[in-house]
Amino acid sequence: MSEEASPSPNINRSVYGYVLLLLSNLSLIVYCIWAFVPDQVLIRLGLTYSPSKYWCLAIPVYCGVAIAVFALFIYPGIIFLLTKPLNSINTITDRHSKYNATNTNEVRLIASFREISPIFDLSIDEICRRIYIDEKLLNNELPNSDQ
């Protein structure tokens, strides 16, 4: 792994981080001075031009609305566009799937002894069998009609 791709700390990253910390703190201080100090005081200090005080509230509100619109509409829209359709085989399995090579009855036997079974993916037919088919039907036991 090259040094540039490494997530570990290095000198350049720490210098950039410190400079960004100083700039963000300085920006916050200048913003608060501009927002809370009256225009007459700023003019006496030699700052003859400053934007309208309207913008000290409008900029954070616009940024907040932009973040909310992105988080509520644009980001979910991107996710919907990138999601595979429901009839795609990629919603069920992919190249990283690891299926159990043994019989599914062995998995039930391990589960009945309360041991930790090995980690693997279940196929969609096994999931449907476990969710929707009654265990009595799997064991060929029919319900008694005398009850």
Protein backbone atom coordinates (compact mmCIF):
# COMPACT_ATOMS: atom_id res chain seq x y z
CA MET A 1 0.00 0.00 0.00
CA SER A 2 1.45 3.36 -0.96
CA GLU A 3 1.97 6.09 1.60
CA GLU A 4 -0.58 8.39 -0.07
CA ALA A 5 -3.35 5.79 0.13
CA SER A 6 -2.64 4.92 3.76
CA PRO A 7 -5.17 6.11 6.35
CA SER A 8 -2.46 6.43 8.99
CA PRO A 9 -1.49 9.93 10.19
CA ASN A 10 1.40 11.71 8.51
CA ILE A 11 2.97 15.17 8.67
CA ASN A 12 1.18 16.65 5.64
CA ARG A 13 -2.22 15.52 6.84
CA SER A 14 -1.70 16.97 10.29
CA VAL A 15 -0.51 20.33 8.88
CA TYR A 16 -3.52 20.53 6.55
CA GLY A 17 -5.83 19.65 9.42
CA TYR A 18 -4.35 22.33 11.66
CA VAL A 19 -4.60 24.98 8.94
CA LEU A 20 -8.23 24.03 8.29
CA LEU A 21 -8.94 24.24 12.02
CA LEU A 22 -7.45 27.74 12.20
CA LEU A 23 -9.31 28.90 9.09
CA SER A 24 -12.65 27.57 10.28
CA ASN A 25 -12.24 29.19 13.71
CA LEU A 26 -11.20 32.49 12.11
CA SER A 27 -14.17 32.33 9.74
CA LEU A 28 -16.55 31.73 12.65
CA ILE A 29 -15.11 34.69 14.59
CA VAL A 30 -15.36 37.03 11.56
CA TYR A 31 -18.93 35.84 10.90
CA CYS A 32 -19.99 36.42 14.51
CA ILE A 33 -18.40 39.89 14.54
CA TRP A 34 -20.18 40.80 11.30
CA ALA A 35 -23.50 39.40 12.57
CA PHE A 36 -23.57 40.89 16.07
CA VAL A 37 -21.61 44.14 15.90
CA PRO A 38 -23.69 47.14 14.70
CA ASP A 39 -22.84 48.71 11.32
CA GLN A 40 -21.83 52.03 12.93
CA VAL A 41 -19.11 50.32 14.96
CA LEU A 42 -17.80 48.54 11.88
CA ILE A 43 -17.71 51.83 9.94
CA ARG A 44 -15.77 53.50 12.78
CA LEU A 45 -13.26 50.64 12.63
CA GLY A 46 -12.70 51.33 8.93
CA LEU A 47 -14.86 48.59 7.47
CA THR A 48 -16.94 50.74 5.14
CA TYR A 49 -18.42 47.92 3.13
CA SER A 50 -20.12 44.89 4.60
CA PRO A 51 -23.03 42.90 3.24
CA SER A 52 -26.52 43.50 4.54
CA LYS A 53 -27.37 41.93 7.90
CA TYR A 54 -30.08 40.01 6.04
CA TRP A 55 -27.38 37.68 4.77
CA CYS A 56 -26.16 36.73 8.26
CA LEU A 57 -29.41 34.78 8.66
CA ALA A 58 -30.11 33.98 5.02
CA ILE A 59 -26.85 32.12 4.31
CA PRO A 60 -27.24 29.56 7.17
CA VAL A 61 -30.92 29.09 6.35
CA TYR A 62 -30.17 28.52 2.65
CA CYS A 63 -27.41 26.06 3.55
CA GLY A 64 -29.72 24.21 5.94
CA VAL A 65 -32.49 24.00 3.33
CA ALA A 66 -29.99 22.80 0.72
CA ILE A 67 -28.75 20.05 3.07
CA ALA A 68 -32.32 19.05 3.94
CA VAL A 69 -33.36 18.88 0.27
CA PHE A 70 -30.29 16.81 -0.53
CA ALA A 71 -30.85 14.46 2.42
CA LEU A 72 -34.58 14.01 1.90
CA PHE A 73 -34.92 14.00 -1.90
CA ILE A 74 -31.71 13.88 -3.91
CA TYR A 75 -29.79 11.23 -1.94
CA PRO A 76 -32.74 8.78 -1.77
CA GLY A 77 -33.32 9.41 -5.48
CA ILE A 78 -29.73 8.46 -6.25
CA ILE A 79 -30.13 5.32 -4.14
CA PHE A 80 -33.33 4.40 -6.02
CA LEU A 81 -31.57 4.87 -9.34
CA LEU A 82 -28.64 2.66 -8.30
CA THR A 83 -30.75 -0.12 -6.77
CA LYS A 84 -31.22 -3.20 -8.91
CA PRO A 85 -34.82 -4.05 -9.92
CA LEU A 86 -36.67 -6.60 -7.82
CA ASN A 87 -36.62 -9.22 -10.57
CA SER A 88 -32.82 -9.04 -10.86
CA ILE A 89 -30.82 -12.04 -9.63
CA ASN A 90 -28.35 -9.58 -8.07
CA THR A 91 -30.88 -8.74 -5.36
CA ILE A 92 -30.65 -12.35 -4.18
CA THR A 93 -27.06 -13.38 -4.78
CA ASP A 94 -23.77 -11.91 -5.89
CA ARG A 95 -20.14 -12.93 -6.28
CA HIS A 96 -19.54 -12.63 -2.51
CA SER A 97 -22.26 -15.14 -1.55
CA LYS A 98 -21.13 -18.23 0.37
CA TYR A 99 -23.65 -21.03 0.47
CA ASN A 100 -23.60 -24.04 2.78
CA ALA A 101 -22.29 -27.09 0.99
CA THR A 102 -23.94 -29.49 3.43
CA ASN A 103 -27.52 -30.53 3.72
CA THR A 104 -30.05 -28.11 5.22
CA ASN A 105 -31.19 -30.85 7.64
CA GLU A 106 -27.74 -30.70 9.21
CA VAL A 107 -28.24 -26.98 9.82
CA ARG A 108 -31.55 -27.73 11.55
CA LEU A 109 -29.82 -30.42 13.62
CA ILE A 110 -27.09 -27.99 14.71
CA ALA A 111 -29.74 -25.40 15.57
CA SER A 112 -31.63 -27.97 17.65
CA PHE A 113 -28.52 -28.62 19.78
CA ARG A 114 -28.08 -24.85 20.29
CA GLU A 115 -24.57 -24.81 18.90
CA ILE A 116 -23.16 -21.99 16.87
CA SER A 117 -23.55 -22.88 13.23
CA PRO A 118 -20.99 -21.82 10.64
CA ILE A 119 -21.59 -18.52 8.89
CA PHE A 120 -22.97 -18.77 5.37
CA ASP A 121 -25.70 -17.31 3.18
CA LEU A 122 -29.06 -18.97 2.89
CA SER A 123 -30.54 -19.50 -0.55
CA ILE A 124 -33.86 -17.88 -1.31
CA ASP A 125 -35.67 -21.23 -1.43
CA GLU A 126 -34.36 -22.12 2.03
CA ILE A 127 -35.53 -18.77 3.38
CA CYS A 128 -39.00 -19.29 1.89
CA ARG A 129 -39.12 -22.80 3.35
CA ARG A 130 -38.20 -21.52 6.82
CA ILE A 131 -40.63 -18.60 6.74
CA TYR A 132 -43.69 -19.88 4.90
CA ILE A 133 -43.79 -23.68 5.22
CA ASP A 134 -44.92 -25.26 8.45
CA GLU A 135 -42.45 -27.62 10.15
CA LYS A 136 -45.10 -30.34 10.35
CA LEU A 137 -45.41 -30.33 6.59
CA LEU A 138 -41.64 -30.65 6.26
CA ASN A 139 -41.64 -33.71 8.51
CA ASN A 140 -44.63 -35.20 6.60
CA GLU A 141 -46.82 -34.94 9.68
CA LEU A 142 -50.33 -33.99 8.83
CA PRO A 143 -52.42 -32.12 11.37
CA ASN A 144 -54.90 -34.28 13.23
CA SER A 145 -58.46 -33.50 12.13
CA ASP A 146 -59.95 -34.85 15.41
CA GLN A 147 -59.10 -31.69 17.31
